[in-house]
Every structure is written in structure tokens, then in C-alpha cells.
Amino acid sequence: MVAISCYNDDLLISTTGSTDSDFVEYAKDMMKLHMPLSDWKNVICSTENKNYTFLFECVHPEDPHIIVETPGMYFLAKREVSWDSTINGFGLDCATNWKEFAELELHCFSVDAFITTIGELKELVKTVQHEGFIFYCEDGTASKLKSPYYLTLKWVARNPNTEKLTNMKNDFKLKINEEFYGLVDAIRENITEYTALSEQDRLTWVRNYFTK
């Protein structure tokens, strides 16, 4: 995630805990895909926006995500620059305004939004094939739900120790949804090939399994 604010009439770009890491440079690279940094400064440091911090998901080719996404900046939300601030606005009207801001002013990507209940969202997240959802409640509560698809894909691809996958006495199937039992069986059947793959190749292998 990338946070962008206006500080001393210039852009302050940060990732978790840093304003000068390689990931900040990644963010600048992706910002330039959408428009020059000088144009970003004009928008973020405008009178209307300079008292807000803008939050983005950055997808860079050098730092691939578990779920394949088009490289670039994805606008998530904005919040006032104050210690006790919350995400500015809630509901579909706010999300629509954010979408217009992202696409018309920053020329970057936006995310889809809809109104639902927690119960409906908990059911929906079980079957989606993306990372999951960030949700905002009317009382200001904000949280996220990761999908079983994402969590399973992340675990099996990034865990080089396949003992939990292959040890029948400590069956990994007991920890995942029934929909993913077939994946565990497929890995077990191709364990020699699977364990020889790099992390990114394991991700591709698992994605191909789900595609088929």
C-alpha cells in the first residue's frame, strides 16, 4: 500500500514505515504510468486536496502480487491529515466520487464498490477468485476479508516446506475449504515437479490448476 500526501507544497510518498525505500521508487514508477509526477503534485497539493492523505494499492512488475493484476496505481480511499481521522465518507456515493477522482483527475485505476451486509459478504468471499474485500461500516469501522482462494494460493505457493501438504497424519485439508481439496491432491500427485519450482513458478502452477 502507498500513502501520498502534500507536505511543504510537495508530494510525500510513503509505504509501510518508509519514505525512501525501493518500494517508494516502485510507486513513483507506477505513478508515472498514469501521468507525470508534476501533475500528481498539482492534484494532491491543490487547495481542495492538500489536507488529505490518499491511499493506493501499487502493483509493480518487480514485486508481483499473489493475484495477477495490471501494473499501476489503484486508488483506495482518502483520509484527513489528523491523528483522529477516519476514512473520509462511507457508502456507495462516496465510492462513486472516489472512482471519478481516480479516473478523471489522477488517470489511475479505481476499485469497484457496492453496498451489502456482513452476512452476504462472508458468503461471497468464500467463492471469489481474488484477494477479498475491504469493507466500511456506517459507524466508521473498517476491516478486510481475505478469500480462501487467495489464502490457499499464498500458502501453497510461498511455503517451500511441503510436509503439511504431504503428511496424511497432519492433513492440511482440515485447515482449508472443501473447494480446495482437489488442489492439495494435485500437488501430492505431482510433488516432485512441484517442489522443484521457484515461488513464482509455483504460483503459476497453482493458478493454472484453478484455470483448468
N, C-alpha and C. Protein backbone atom coordinates (compact mmCIF):
# COMPACT_ATOMS: atom_id res chain seq x y z
N MET A 1 0.84 -1.18 0.00
CA MET A 1 0.00 0.00 0.00
C MET A 1 0.88 1.24 0.00
N VAL A 2 0.42 2.27 -0.66
CA VAL A 2 1.15 3.53 -0.78
C VAL A 2 0.27 4.66 -0.26
N ALA A 3 0.85 5.54 0.55
CA ALA A 3 0.16 6.74 1.02
C ALA A 3 0.83 7.96 0.38
N ILE A 4 0.01 8.87 -0.13
CA ILE A 4 0.53 10.08 -0.77
C ILE A 4 -0.14 11.30 -0.14
N SER A 5 0.68 12.22 0.37
CA SER A 5 0.19 13.45 0.97
C SER A 5 0.95 14.63 0.37
N CYS A 6 0.45 15.83 0.69
CA CYS A 6 1.16 17.05 0.33
C CYS A 6 1.87 17.58 1.57
N TYR A 7 3.20 17.75 1.49
CA TYR A 7 3.98 18.25 2.62
C TYR A 7 4.96 19.29 2.10
N ASN A 8 4.89 20.49 2.67
CA ASN A 8 5.73 21.61 2.21
C ASN A 8 5.57 21.83 0.71
N ASP A 9 4.32 21.76 0.26
CA ASP A 9 3.97 22.00 -1.14
C ASP A 9 4.64 21.03 -2.11
N ASP A 10 4.93 19.84 -1.63
CA ASP A 10 5.48 18.80 -2.49
C ASP A 10 4.87 17.46 -2.11
N LEU A 11 5.04 16.46 -2.96
CA LEU A 11 4.49 15.14 -2.69
C LEU A 11 5.30 14.42 -1.62
N LEU A 12 4.62 13.85 -0.65
CA LEU A 12 5.23 12.96 0.33
C LEU A 12 4.67 11.56 0.06
N ILE A 13 5.53 10.69 -0.44
CA ILE A 13 5.11 9.35 -0.84
C ILE A 13 5.73 8.36 0.14
N SER A 14 4.92 7.49 0.72
CA SER A 14 5.43 6.54 1.69
C SER A 14 4.78 5.17 1.53
N THR A 15 5.54 4.16 1.93
CA THR A 15 5.00 2.82 2.10
C THR A 15 5.15 2.49 3.58
N THR A 16 4.84 1.29 3.99
CA THR A 16 4.86 0.95 5.41
C THR A 16 6.23 1.25 6.03
N GLY A 17 6.27 2.28 6.88
CA GLY A 17 7.47 2.57 7.65
C GLY A 17 8.59 3.27 6.91
N SER A 18 8.36 3.74 5.68
CA SER A 18 9.49 4.33 4.95
C SER A 18 9.02 5.36 3.93
N THR A 19 9.88 6.37 3.73
CA THR A 19 9.64 7.34 2.65
C THR A 19 10.75 7.29 1.61
N ASP A 20 11.69 6.35 1.76
CA ASP A 20 12.81 6.31 0.80
C ASP A 20 13.24 4.88 0.45
N SER A 21 12.34 3.91 0.60
CA SER A 21 12.69 2.53 0.28
C SER A 21 12.56 2.27 -1.22
N ASP A 22 12.98 1.09 -1.64
CA ASP A 22 12.80 0.69 -3.04
C ASP A 22 11.33 0.70 -3.43
N PHE A 23 10.46 0.41 -2.46
CA PHE A 23 9.03 0.36 -2.77
C PHE A 23 8.46 1.75 -3.05
N VAL A 24 9.04 2.78 -2.45
CA VAL A 24 8.64 4.14 -2.78
C VAL A 24 9.01 4.44 -4.22
N GLU A 25 10.17 3.98 -4.65
CA GLU A 25 10.57 4.17 -6.05
C GLU A 25 9.66 3.38 -6.98
N TYR A 26 9.25 2.19 -6.54
CA TYR A 26 8.27 1.42 -7.33
C TYR A 26 6.99 2.24 -7.52
N ALA A 27 6.54 2.88 -6.43
CA ALA A 27 5.32 3.68 -6.50
C ALA A 27 5.48 4.82 -7.51
N LYS A 28 6.63 5.49 -7.47
CA LYS A 28 6.86 6.59 -8.40
C LYS A 28 6.85 6.08 -9.85
N ASP A 29 7.45 4.91 -10.06
CA ASP A 29 7.44 4.32 -11.41
C ASP A 29 6.00 4.13 -11.91
N MET A 30 5.16 3.59 -11.04
CA MET A 30 3.79 3.29 -11.45
C MET A 30 2.95 4.56 -11.55
N MET A 31 3.23 5.56 -10.72
CA MET A 31 2.52 6.84 -10.84
C MET A 31 2.76 7.45 -12.20
N LYS A 32 4.01 7.33 -12.69
CA LYS A 32 4.37 7.91 -13.99
C LYS A 32 3.67 7.21 -15.15
N LEU A 33 3.18 5.98 -14.91
CA LEU A 33 2.42 5.29 -15.95
C LEU A 33 1.13 6.03 -16.26
N HIS A 34 0.59 6.69 -15.24
CA HIS A 34 -0.71 7.34 -15.39
C HIS A 34 -0.60 8.80 -15.80
N MET A 35 0.38 9.51 -15.23
CA MET A 35 0.64 10.90 -15.62
C MET A 35 1.93 11.34 -14.94
N PRO A 36 2.56 12.44 -15.39
CA PRO A 36 3.81 12.91 -14.79
C PRO A 36 3.66 13.22 -13.31
N LEU A 37 4.74 13.09 -12.55
CA LEU A 37 4.70 13.38 -11.12
C LEU A 37 4.29 14.82 -10.85
N SER A 38 4.64 15.72 -11.77
CA SER A 38 4.25 17.13 -11.60
C SER A 38 2.73 17.28 -11.62
N ASP A 39 2.05 16.46 -12.42
CA ASP A 39 0.59 16.50 -12.46
C ASP A 39 -0.01 15.91 -11.19
N TRP A 40 0.63 14.84 -10.67
CA TRP A 40 0.18 14.30 -9.39
C TRP A 40 0.29 15.37 -8.31
N LYS A 41 1.39 16.10 -8.32
CA LYS A 41 1.58 17.17 -7.33
C LYS A 41 0.49 18.22 -7.45
N ASN A 42 0.14 18.60 -8.67
CA ASN A 42 -0.88 19.62 -8.87
C ASN A 42 -2.22 19.19 -8.28
N VAL A 43 -2.53 17.90 -8.39
CA VAL A 43 -3.81 17.40 -7.87
C VAL A 43 -3.76 17.23 -6.36
N ILE A 44 -2.73 16.52 -5.85
CA ILE A 44 -2.66 16.22 -4.42
C ILE A 44 -2.44 17.48 -3.59
N CYS A 45 -1.67 18.43 -4.12
CA CYS A 45 -1.36 19.65 -3.37
C CYS A 45 -2.30 20.80 -3.68
N SER A 46 -3.39 20.52 -4.35
CA SER A 46 -4.38 21.57 -4.62
C SER A 46 -5.06 21.97 -3.32
N THR A 47 -5.67 23.12 -3.30
CA THR A 47 -6.35 23.60 -2.10
C THR A 47 -7.40 22.61 -1.62
N GLU A 48 -8.06 21.98 -2.53
CA GLU A 48 -9.13 21.04 -2.19
C GLU A 48 -8.59 19.76 -1.54
N ASN A 49 -7.38 19.35 -1.91
CA ASN A 49 -6.89 18.03 -1.51
C ASN A 49 -5.73 18.02 -0.53
N LYS A 50 -5.08 19.16 -0.29
CA LYS A 50 -3.82 19.15 0.44
C LYS A 50 -3.95 18.74 1.90
N ASN A 51 -5.16 18.73 2.46
CA ASN A 51 -5.35 18.32 3.84
C ASN A 51 -5.74 16.85 3.97
N TYR A 52 -5.55 16.10 2.90
CA TYR A 52 -5.88 14.68 2.91
C TYR A 52 -4.67 13.83 2.56
N THR A 53 -4.66 12.61 3.07
CA THR A 53 -3.72 11.58 2.63
C THR A 53 -4.49 10.62 1.74
N PHE A 54 -3.92 10.31 0.59
CA PHE A 54 -4.57 9.43 -0.38
C PHE A 54 -3.90 8.06 -0.34
N LEU A 55 -4.70 7.02 -0.31
CA LEU A 55 -4.21 5.66 -0.14
C LEU A 55 -4.39 4.86 -1.44
N PHE A 56 -3.34 4.14 -1.81
CA PHE A 56 -3.34 3.39 -3.07
C PHE A 56 -2.77 1.99 -2.86
N GLU A 57 -3.21 1.09 -3.69
CA GLU A 57 -2.53 -0.19 -3.86
C GLU A 57 -1.64 -0.04 -5.09
N CYS A 58 -0.36 -0.34 -4.93
CA CYS A 58 0.59 -0.23 -6.04
C CYS A 58 0.93 -1.63 -6.53
N VAL A 59 0.80 -1.85 -7.82
CA VAL A 59 1.18 -3.13 -8.43
C VAL A 59 2.35 -2.86 -9.37
N HIS A 60 3.51 -3.42 -9.05
CA HIS A 60 4.73 -3.20 -9.83
C HIS A 60 5.23 -4.55 -10.35
N PRO A 61 5.69 -4.62 -11.59
CA PRO A 61 6.17 -5.90 -12.15
C PRO A 61 7.30 -6.54 -11.34
N GLU A 62 8.11 -5.72 -10.65
CA GLU A 62 9.23 -6.26 -9.89
C GLU A 62 8.80 -6.83 -8.53
N ASP A 63 7.56 -6.55 -8.16
CA ASP A 63 7.03 -7.03 -6.89
C ASP A 63 5.65 -7.64 -7.13
N PRO A 64 5.61 -8.78 -7.83
CA PRO A 64 4.32 -9.34 -8.26
C PRO A 64 3.44 -9.75 -7.09
N HIS A 65 2.14 -9.54 -7.26
CA HIS A 65 1.17 -9.92 -6.25
C HIS A 65 0.78 -11.39 -6.41
N ILE A 66 0.21 -11.93 -5.35
CA ILE A 66 -0.29 -13.30 -5.42
C ILE A 66 -1.36 -13.41 -6.51
N ILE A 67 -2.27 -12.45 -6.53
CA ILE A 67 -3.29 -12.37 -7.58
C ILE A 67 -2.76 -11.47 -8.68
N VAL A 68 -2.75 -11.96 -9.91
CA VAL A 68 -2.20 -11.18 -11.02
C VAL A 68 -3.08 -9.96 -11.29
N GLU A 69 -2.47 -8.78 -11.29
CA GLU A 69 -3.15 -7.52 -11.57
C GLU A 69 -2.36 -6.72 -12.59
N THR A 70 -3.04 -5.84 -13.30
CA THR A 70 -2.37 -4.94 -14.24
C THR A 70 -1.50 -3.97 -13.45
N PRO A 71 -0.22 -3.79 -13.82
CA PRO A 71 0.64 -2.85 -13.10
C PRO A 71 0.07 -1.44 -13.09
N GLY A 72 0.23 -0.76 -11.98
CA GLY A 72 -0.24 0.61 -11.88
C GLY A 72 -0.69 0.94 -10.47
N MET A 73 -1.34 2.09 -10.33
CA MET A 73 -1.82 2.58 -9.04
C MET A 73 -3.34 2.44 -8.97
N TYR A 74 -3.81 1.85 -7.87
CA TYR A 74 -5.24 1.64 -7.64
C TYR A 74 -5.67 2.49 -6.45
N PHE A 75 -6.53 3.48 -6.71
CA PHE A 75 -6.95 4.38 -5.64
C PHE A 75 -7.94 3.67 -4.72
N LEU A 76 -7.65 3.70 -3.39
CA LEU A 76 -8.48 3.01 -2.41
C LEU A 76 -9.36 3.95 -1.60
N ALA A 77 -8.77 5.03 -1.08
CA ALA A 77 -9.53 5.90 -0.18
C ALA A 77 -8.70 7.14 0.14
N LYS A 78 -9.30 8.05 0.89
CA LYS A 78 -8.56 9.21 1.40
C LYS A 78 -8.98 9.46 2.84
N ARG A 79 -8.09 10.09 3.60
CA ARG A 79 -8.42 10.43 4.99
C ARG A 79 -7.77 11.76 5.34
N GLU A 80 -8.41 12.47 6.26
CA GLU A 80 -7.89 13.76 6.68
C GLU A 80 -6.55 13.61 7.39
N VAL A 81 -5.69 14.61 7.23
CA VAL A 81 -4.39 14.58 7.89
C VAL A 81 -4.57 15.07 9.32
N SER A 82 -4.93 14.15 10.21
CA SER A 82 -5.07 14.44 11.63
C SER A 82 -4.99 13.12 12.38
N TRP A 83 -4.60 13.15 13.65
CA TRP A 83 -4.37 11.93 14.41
C TRP A 83 -5.63 11.11 14.60
N ASP A 84 -6.80 11.77 14.69
CA ASP A 84 -8.03 11.05 14.99
C ASP A 84 -8.93 10.91 13.76
N SER A 85 -8.34 11.00 12.57
CA SER A 85 -9.15 10.96 11.35
C SER A 85 -9.61 9.54 11.05
N THR A 86 -10.68 9.44 10.26
CA THR A 86 -11.16 8.17 9.74
C THR A 86 -11.25 8.29 8.23
N ILE A 87 -11.50 7.17 7.58
CA ILE A 87 -11.67 7.21 6.13
C ILE A 87 -12.79 8.17 5.80
N ASN A 88 -12.55 9.05 4.84
CA ASN A 88 -13.49 10.13 4.53
C ASN A 88 -14.71 9.61 3.78
N GLY A 89 -15.83 9.59 4.47
CA GLY A 89 -17.07 9.22 3.81
C GLY A 89 -17.28 7.72 3.73
N PHE A 90 -18.52 7.30 3.67
CA PHE A 90 -18.86 5.89 3.56
C PHE A 90 -20.04 5.74 2.59
N GLY A 91 -20.23 4.54 2.11
CA GLY A 91 -21.36 4.27 1.25
C GLY A 91 -21.02 4.40 -0.22
N LEU A 92 -21.98 4.03 -1.05
CA LEU A 92 -21.75 3.95 -2.48
C LEU A 92 -21.52 5.32 -3.12
N ASP A 93 -22.18 6.36 -2.60
CA ASP A 93 -21.99 7.70 -3.15
C ASP A 93 -20.53 8.13 -3.02
N CYS A 94 -19.95 7.86 -1.86
CA CYS A 94 -18.54 8.20 -1.64
C CYS A 94 -17.66 7.40 -2.58
N ALA A 95 -17.94 6.11 -2.73
CA ALA A 95 -17.14 5.26 -3.60
C ALA A 95 -17.22 5.72 -5.05
N THR A 96 -18.40 6.17 -5.46
CA THR A 96 -18.57 6.68 -6.82
C THR A 96 -17.72 7.93 -7.03
N ASN A 97 -17.71 8.82 -6.02
CA ASN A 97 -16.88 10.03 -6.12
C ASN A 97 -15.40 9.68 -6.19
N TRP A 98 -14.98 8.66 -5.40
CA TRP A 98 -13.59 8.22 -5.45
C TRP A 98 -13.23 7.68 -6.82
N LYS A 99 -14.17 6.94 -7.41
CA LYS A 99 -13.93 6.35 -8.73
C LYS A 99 -13.72 7.46 -9.76
N GLU A 100 -14.56 8.49 -9.70
CA GLU A 100 -14.43 9.61 -10.63
C GLU A 100 -13.12 10.35 -10.39
N PHE A 101 -12.74 10.54 -9.13
CA PHE A 101 -11.49 11.21 -8.80
C PHE A 101 -10.30 10.44 -9.37
N ALA A 102 -10.32 9.11 -9.18
CA ALA A 102 -9.21 8.28 -9.66
C ALA A 102 -9.09 8.35 -11.17
N GLU A 103 -10.21 8.18 -11.85
CA GLU A 103 -10.17 8.05 -13.30
C GLU A 103 -10.04 9.39 -14.02
N LEU A 104 -10.67 10.44 -13.49
CA LEU A 104 -10.70 11.71 -14.21
C LEU A 104 -9.57 12.65 -13.80
N GLU A 105 -9.15 12.61 -12.53
CA GLU A 105 -8.12 13.55 -12.07
C GLU A 105 -6.73 12.93 -12.01
N LEU A 106 -6.64 11.67 -11.56
CA LEU A 106 -5.34 11.01 -11.45
C LEU A 106 -5.08 10.06 -12.61
N HIS A 107 -6.11 9.76 -13.38
CA HIS A 107 -5.98 8.86 -14.54
C HIS A 107 -5.42 7.50 -14.13
N CYS A 108 -5.70 7.10 -12.88
CA CYS A 108 -5.23 5.79 -12.42
C CYS A 108 -6.42 4.85 -12.29
N PHE A 109 -6.18 3.67 -11.77
CA PHE A 109 -7.23 2.67 -11.66
C PHE A 109 -8.08 2.91 -10.42
N SER A 110 -9.34 2.52 -10.50
CA SER A 110 -10.25 2.59 -9.35
C SER A 110 -10.68 1.18 -8.99
N VAL A 111 -11.35 1.05 -7.87
CA VAL A 111 -11.86 -0.25 -7.46
C VAL A 111 -13.39 -0.20 -7.43
N ASP A 112 -14.00 -1.35 -7.65
CA ASP A 112 -15.46 -1.42 -7.64
C ASP A 112 -15.98 -1.39 -6.20
N ALA A 113 -17.18 -0.86 -6.02
CA ALA A 113 -17.78 -0.79 -4.70
C ALA A 113 -19.27 -1.11 -4.79
N PHE A 114 -19.80 -1.68 -3.73
CA PHE A 114 -21.23 -1.98 -3.67
C PHE A 114 -21.65 -2.04 -2.21
N ILE A 115 -22.95 -1.93 -1.98
CA ILE A 115 -23.50 -1.98 -0.63
C ILE A 115 -24.04 -3.38 -0.37
N THR A 116 -23.71 -3.94 0.79
CA THR A 116 -24.17 -5.28 1.15
C THR A 116 -24.19 -5.39 2.66
N THR A 117 -24.48 -6.58 3.15
CA THR A 117 -24.44 -6.85 4.59
C THR A 117 -23.21 -7.69 4.91
N ILE A 118 -22.82 -7.72 6.18
CA ILE A 118 -21.68 -8.54 6.59
C ILE A 118 -21.95 -10.01 6.28
N GLY A 119 -23.17 -10.46 6.54
CA GLY A 119 -23.51 -11.85 6.27
C GLY A 119 -23.37 -12.21 4.80
N GLU A 120 -23.87 -11.34 3.93
CA GLU A 120 -23.77 -11.59 2.49
C GLU A 120 -22.31 -11.57 2.04
N LEU A 121 -21.52 -10.67 2.64
CA LEU A 121 -20.12 -10.56 2.27
C LEU A 121 -19.34 -11.81 2.69
N LYS A 122 -19.66 -12.34 3.87
CA LYS A 122 -18.99 -13.55 4.35
C LYS A 122 -19.28 -14.75 3.45
N GLU A 123 -20.46 -14.79 2.87
CA GLU A 123 -20.78 -15.86 1.93
C GLU A 123 -20.08 -15.63 0.59
N LEU A 124 -20.08 -14.39 0.13
CA LEU A 124 -19.50 -14.07 -1.17
C LEU A 124 -18.00 -14.34 -1.20
N VAL A 125 -17.30 -14.03 -0.11
CA VAL A 125 -15.83 -14.16 -0.10
C VAL A 125 -15.40 -15.62 -0.20
N LYS A 126 -16.28 -16.56 0.08
CA LYS A 126 -15.93 -17.98 0.02
C LYS A 126 -15.65 -18.46 -1.40
N THR A 127 -16.22 -17.78 -2.40
CA THR A 127 -16.15 -18.30 -3.77
C THR A 127 -15.42 -17.40 -4.76
N VAL A 128 -15.07 -16.17 -4.37
CA VAL A 128 -14.40 -15.28 -5.32
C VAL A 128 -12.97 -15.73 -5.57
N GLN A 129 -12.45 -15.42 -6.74
CA GLN A 129 -11.07 -15.76 -7.07
C GLN A 129 -10.23 -14.49 -7.17
N HIS A 130 -10.28 -13.71 -6.11
CA HIS A 130 -9.39 -12.56 -5.95
C HIS A 130 -9.04 -12.45 -4.48
N GLU A 131 -8.35 -11.39 -4.09
CA GLU A 131 -7.80 -11.32 -2.73
C GLU A 131 -8.86 -11.23 -1.65
N GLY A 132 -10.00 -10.62 -1.96
CA GLY A 132 -11.06 -10.47 -0.98
C GLY A 132 -11.63 -9.07 -1.00
N PHE A 133 -12.06 -8.58 0.17
CA PHE A 133 -12.77 -7.30 0.23
C PHE A 133 -12.27 -6.44 1.39
N ILE A 134 -12.27 -5.14 1.16
CA ILE A 134 -12.19 -4.16 2.24
C ILE A 134 -13.60 -3.61 2.43
N PHE A 135 -14.07 -3.55 3.67
CA PHE A 135 -15.42 -3.03 3.87
C PHE A 135 -15.44 -1.93 4.92
N TYR A 136 -16.39 -1.01 4.75
CA TYR A 136 -16.56 0.13 5.65
C TYR A 136 -17.99 0.11 6.18
N CYS A 137 -18.12 0.19 7.50
CA CYS A 137 -19.44 0.21 8.12
C CYS A 137 -19.88 1.65 8.39
N GLU A 138 -21.18 1.83 8.58
CA GLU A 138 -21.71 3.17 8.79
C GLU A 138 -21.17 3.82 10.06
N ASP A 139 -20.75 3.00 11.04
CA ASP A 139 -20.24 3.57 12.29
C ASP A 139 -18.76 3.92 12.22
N GLY A 140 -18.15 3.77 11.03
CA GLY A 140 -16.75 4.13 10.85
C GLY A 140 -15.80 2.95 10.93
N THR A 141 -16.30 1.78 11.29
CA THR A 141 -15.46 0.59 11.34
C THR A 141 -15.00 0.21 9.93
N ALA A 142 -13.74 -0.12 9.80
CA ALA A 142 -13.19 -0.57 8.52
C ALA A 142 -12.39 -1.83 8.76
N SER A 143 -12.52 -2.79 7.87
CA SER A 143 -11.78 -4.03 8.00
C SER A 143 -11.68 -4.70 6.64
N LYS A 144 -11.11 -5.91 6.60
CA LYS A 144 -10.98 -6.62 5.34
C LYS A 144 -11.20 -8.11 5.54
N LEU A 145 -11.66 -8.75 4.49
CA LEU A 145 -11.86 -10.19 4.46
C LEU A 145 -11.01 -10.77 3.33
N LYS A 146 -10.11 -11.68 3.67
CA LYS A 146 -9.30 -12.35 2.66
C LYS A 146 -10.04 -13.60 2.18
N SER A 147 -10.00 -13.85 0.89
CA SER A 147 -10.72 -15.01 0.35
C SER A 147 -9.93 -16.30 0.59
N PRO A 148 -10.62 -17.43 0.75
CA PRO A 148 -9.93 -18.72 0.85
C PRO A 148 -9.06 -18.99 -0.37
N TYR A 149 -9.51 -18.54 -1.54
CA TYR A 149 -8.73 -18.71 -2.77
C TYR A 149 -7.37 -18.05 -2.62
N TYR A 150 -7.36 -16.81 -2.17
CA TYR A 150 -6.11 -16.06 -2.01
C TYR A 150 -5.24 -16.68 -0.94
N LEU A 151 -5.82 -17.00 0.21
CA LEU A 151 -5.04 -17.53 1.33
C LEU A 151 -4.42 -18.88 0.98
N THR A 152 -5.19 -19.72 0.29
CA THR A 152 -4.66 -21.02 -0.10
C THR A 152 -3.56 -20.88 -1.14
N LEU A 153 -3.80 -20.03 -2.13
CA LEU A 153 -2.81 -19.79 -3.18
C LEU A 153 -1.51 -19.27 -2.57
N LYS A 154 -1.63 -18.33 -1.63
CA LYS A 154 -0.46 -17.75 -0.99
C LYS A 154 0.30 -18.79 -0.18
N TRP A 155 -0.42 -19.60 0.56
CA TRP A 155 0.25 -20.57 1.43
C TRP A 155 0.99 -21.63 0.63
N VAL A 156 0.30 -22.25 -0.32
CA VAL A 156 0.93 -23.35 -1.03
C VAL A 156 2.05 -22.88 -1.94
N ALA A 157 1.95 -21.63 -2.43
CA ALA A 157 2.99 -21.13 -3.34
C ALA A 157 4.22 -20.63 -2.61
N ARG A 158 4.03 -20.06 -1.42
CA ARG A 158 5.16 -19.44 -0.72
C ARG A 158 5.79 -20.35 0.33
N ASN A 159 5.15 -21.46 0.62
CA ASN A 159 5.69 -22.35 1.64
C ASN A 159 6.53 -23.44 0.98
N PRO A 160 7.86 -23.34 1.05
CA PRO A 160 8.70 -24.34 0.39
C PRO A 160 8.68 -25.69 1.09
N ASN A 161 8.24 -25.73 2.35
CA ASN A 161 8.16 -26.98 3.10
C ASN A 161 6.80 -27.63 2.83
N THR A 162 6.81 -28.73 2.10
CA THR A 162 5.55 -29.36 1.69
C THR A 162 5.10 -30.43 2.67
N GLU A 163 5.72 -30.50 3.85
CA GLU A 163 5.38 -31.56 4.80
C GLU A 163 3.89 -31.54 5.15
N LYS A 164 3.33 -30.34 5.37
CA LYS A 164 1.92 -30.25 5.74
C LYS A 164 1.00 -30.66 4.59
N LEU A 165 1.52 -30.54 3.37
CA LEU A 165 0.71 -30.96 2.22
C LEU A 165 0.73 -32.47 2.03
N THR A 166 1.84 -33.08 2.36
CA THR A 166 2.03 -34.50 2.05
C THR A 166 1.82 -35.42 3.25
N ASN A 167 1.87 -34.88 4.47
CA ASN A 167 1.73 -35.70 5.66
C ASN A 167 0.26 -35.98 5.94
N MET A 168 -0.17 -37.20 5.68
CA MET A 168 -1.57 -37.56 5.84
C MET A 168 -2.01 -37.51 7.31
N LYS A 169 -1.06 -37.72 8.26
CA LYS A 169 -1.41 -37.71 9.67
C LYS A 169 -1.71 -36.30 10.17
N ASN A 170 -1.15 -35.32 9.51
CA ASN A 170 -1.40 -33.92 9.85
C ASN A 170 -2.01 -33.26 8.62
N ASP A 171 -3.22 -33.68 8.30
CA ASP A 171 -3.79 -33.39 6.99
C ASP A 171 -4.10 -31.90 6.81
N PHE A 172 -3.43 -31.26 5.86
CA PHE A 172 -3.64 -29.85 5.56
C PHE A 172 -5.08 -29.57 5.11
N LYS A 173 -5.74 -30.60 4.58
CA LYS A 173 -7.12 -30.41 4.12
C LYS A 173 -8.04 -29.95 5.25
N LEU A 174 -7.72 -30.32 6.47
CA LEU A 174 -8.57 -29.94 7.59
C LEU A 174 -8.54 -28.44 7.86
N LYS A 175 -7.57 -27.74 7.27
CA LYS A 175 -7.40 -26.30 7.52
C LYS A 175 -7.92 -25.43 6.38
N ILE A 176 -8.41 -26.05 5.30
CA ILE A 176 -8.85 -25.27 4.15
C ILE A 176 -10.28 -25.66 3.77
N ASN A 177 -10.90 -24.85 2.92
CA ASN A 177 -12.25 -25.14 2.46
C ASN A 177 -12.28 -26.35 1.53
N GLU A 178 -13.40 -27.02 1.52
CA GLU A 178 -13.56 -28.24 0.71
C GLU A 178 -13.29 -27.98 -0.77
N GLU A 179 -13.58 -26.76 -1.22
CA GLU A 179 -13.38 -26.44 -2.64
C GLU A 179 -11.93 -26.59 -3.07
N PHE A 180 -10.98 -26.58 -2.11
CA PHE A 180 -9.57 -26.60 -2.45
C PHE A 180 -8.91 -27.96 -2.19
N TYR A 181 -9.72 -28.97 -1.84
CA TYR A 181 -9.17 -30.31 -1.63
C TYR A 181 -8.49 -30.83 -2.89
N GLY A 182 -9.09 -30.56 -4.05
CA GLY A 182 -8.54 -31.05 -5.31
C GLY A 182 -7.14 -30.50 -5.57
N LEU A 183 -6.90 -29.26 -5.15
CA LEU A 183 -5.58 -28.67 -5.34
C LEU A 183 -4.54 -29.44 -4.53
N VAL A 184 -4.87 -29.74 -3.27
CA VAL A 184 -3.93 -30.49 -2.44
C VAL A 184 -3.64 -31.85 -3.05
N ASP A 185 -4.68 -32.51 -3.56
CA ASP A 185 -4.49 -33.82 -4.19
C ASP A 185 -3.59 -33.71 -5.42
N ALA A 186 -3.80 -32.64 -6.21
CA ALA A 186 -3.00 -32.45 -7.43
C ALA A 186 -1.53 -32.21 -7.08
N ILE A 187 -1.27 -31.44 -6.02
CA ILE A 187 0.11 -31.19 -5.59
C ILE A 187 0.75 -32.49 -5.13
N ARG A 188 0.00 -33.27 -4.36
CA ARG A 188 0.54 -34.55 -3.87
C ARG A 188 0.88 -35.49 -5.02
N GLU A 189 0.05 -35.46 -6.05
CA GLU A 189 0.28 -36.34 -7.20
C GLU A 189 1.48 -35.89 -8.04
N ASN A 190 1.83 -34.61 -7.93
CA ASN A 190 2.93 -34.06 -8.73
C ASN A 190 3.98 -33.44 -7.82
N ILE A 191 4.22 -34.06 -6.66
CA ILE A 191 5.03 -33.44 -5.63
C ILE A 191 6.47 -33.20 -6.06
N THR A 192 7.05 -34.10 -6.85
CA THR A 192 8.44 -33.92 -7.29
C THR A 192 8.56 -32.70 -8.19
N GLU A 193 7.65 -32.59 -9.15
CA GLU A 193 7.64 -31.43 -10.04
C GLU A 193 7.38 -30.15 -9.25
N TYR A 194 6.42 -30.20 -8.33
CA TYR A 194 6.01 -29.01 -7.60
C TYR A 194 7.13 -28.47 -6.71
N THR A 195 7.80 -29.34 -5.97
CA THR A 195 8.84 -28.89 -5.05
C THR A 195 10.08 -28.37 -5.75
N ALA A 196 10.23 -28.68 -7.02
CA ALA A 196 11.39 -28.20 -7.77
C ALA A 196 11.17 -26.78 -8.32
N LEU A 197 9.96 -26.27 -8.21
CA LEU A 197 9.63 -24.97 -8.78
C LEU A 197 10.03 -23.83 -7.85
N SER A 198 10.30 -22.66 -8.44
CA SER A 198 10.51 -21.44 -7.66
C SER A 198 9.17 -20.93 -7.15
N GLU A 199 9.20 -19.93 -6.27
CA GLU A 199 7.95 -19.39 -5.74
C GLU A 199 7.03 -18.89 -6.84
N GLN A 200 7.56 -18.10 -7.77
CA GLN A 200 6.72 -17.57 -8.84
C GLN A 200 6.21 -18.68 -9.76
N ASP A 201 7.03 -19.70 -9.99
CA ASP A 201 6.57 -20.81 -10.82
C ASP A 201 5.51 -21.63 -10.10
N ARG A 202 5.62 -21.75 -8.75
CA ARG A 202 4.56 -22.43 -8.00
C ARG A 202 3.25 -21.65 -8.09
N LEU A 203 3.35 -20.32 -8.01
CA LEU A 203 2.15 -19.50 -8.18
C LEU A 203 1.50 -19.76 -9.54
N THR A 204 2.33 -19.80 -10.58
CA THR A 204 1.80 -20.05 -11.93
C THR A 204 1.18 -21.44 -11.99
N TRP A 205 1.83 -22.43 -11.39
CA TRP A 205 1.33 -23.81 -11.38
C TRP A 205 -0.05 -23.87 -10.72
N VAL A 206 -0.19 -23.21 -9.57
CA VAL A 206 -1.46 -23.23 -8.85
C VAL A 206 -2.52 -22.46 -9.62
N ARG A 207 -2.16 -21.31 -10.19
CA ARG A 207 -3.14 -20.56 -10.99
C ARG A 207 -3.63 -21.40 -12.16
N ASN A 208 -2.71 -22.08 -12.82
CA ASN A 208 -3.08 -22.92 -13.95
C ASN A 208 -4.03 -24.03 -13.51
N TYR A 209 -3.81 -24.56 -12.33
CA TYR A 209 -4.71 -25.59 -11.80
C TYR A 209 -6.12 -25.04 -11.69
N PHE A 210 -6.27 -23.85 -11.09
CA PHE A 210 -7.59 -23.27 -10.91
C PHE A 210 -8.22 -22.91 -12.26
N THR A 211 -7.39 -22.45 -13.20
CA THR A 211 -7.92 -22.11 -14.53
C THR A 211 -8.49 -23.34 -15.23
N LYS A 212 -7.78 -24.46 -15.09
CA LYS A 212 -8.24 -25.69 -15.72
C LYS A 212 -9.45 -26.29 -15.02
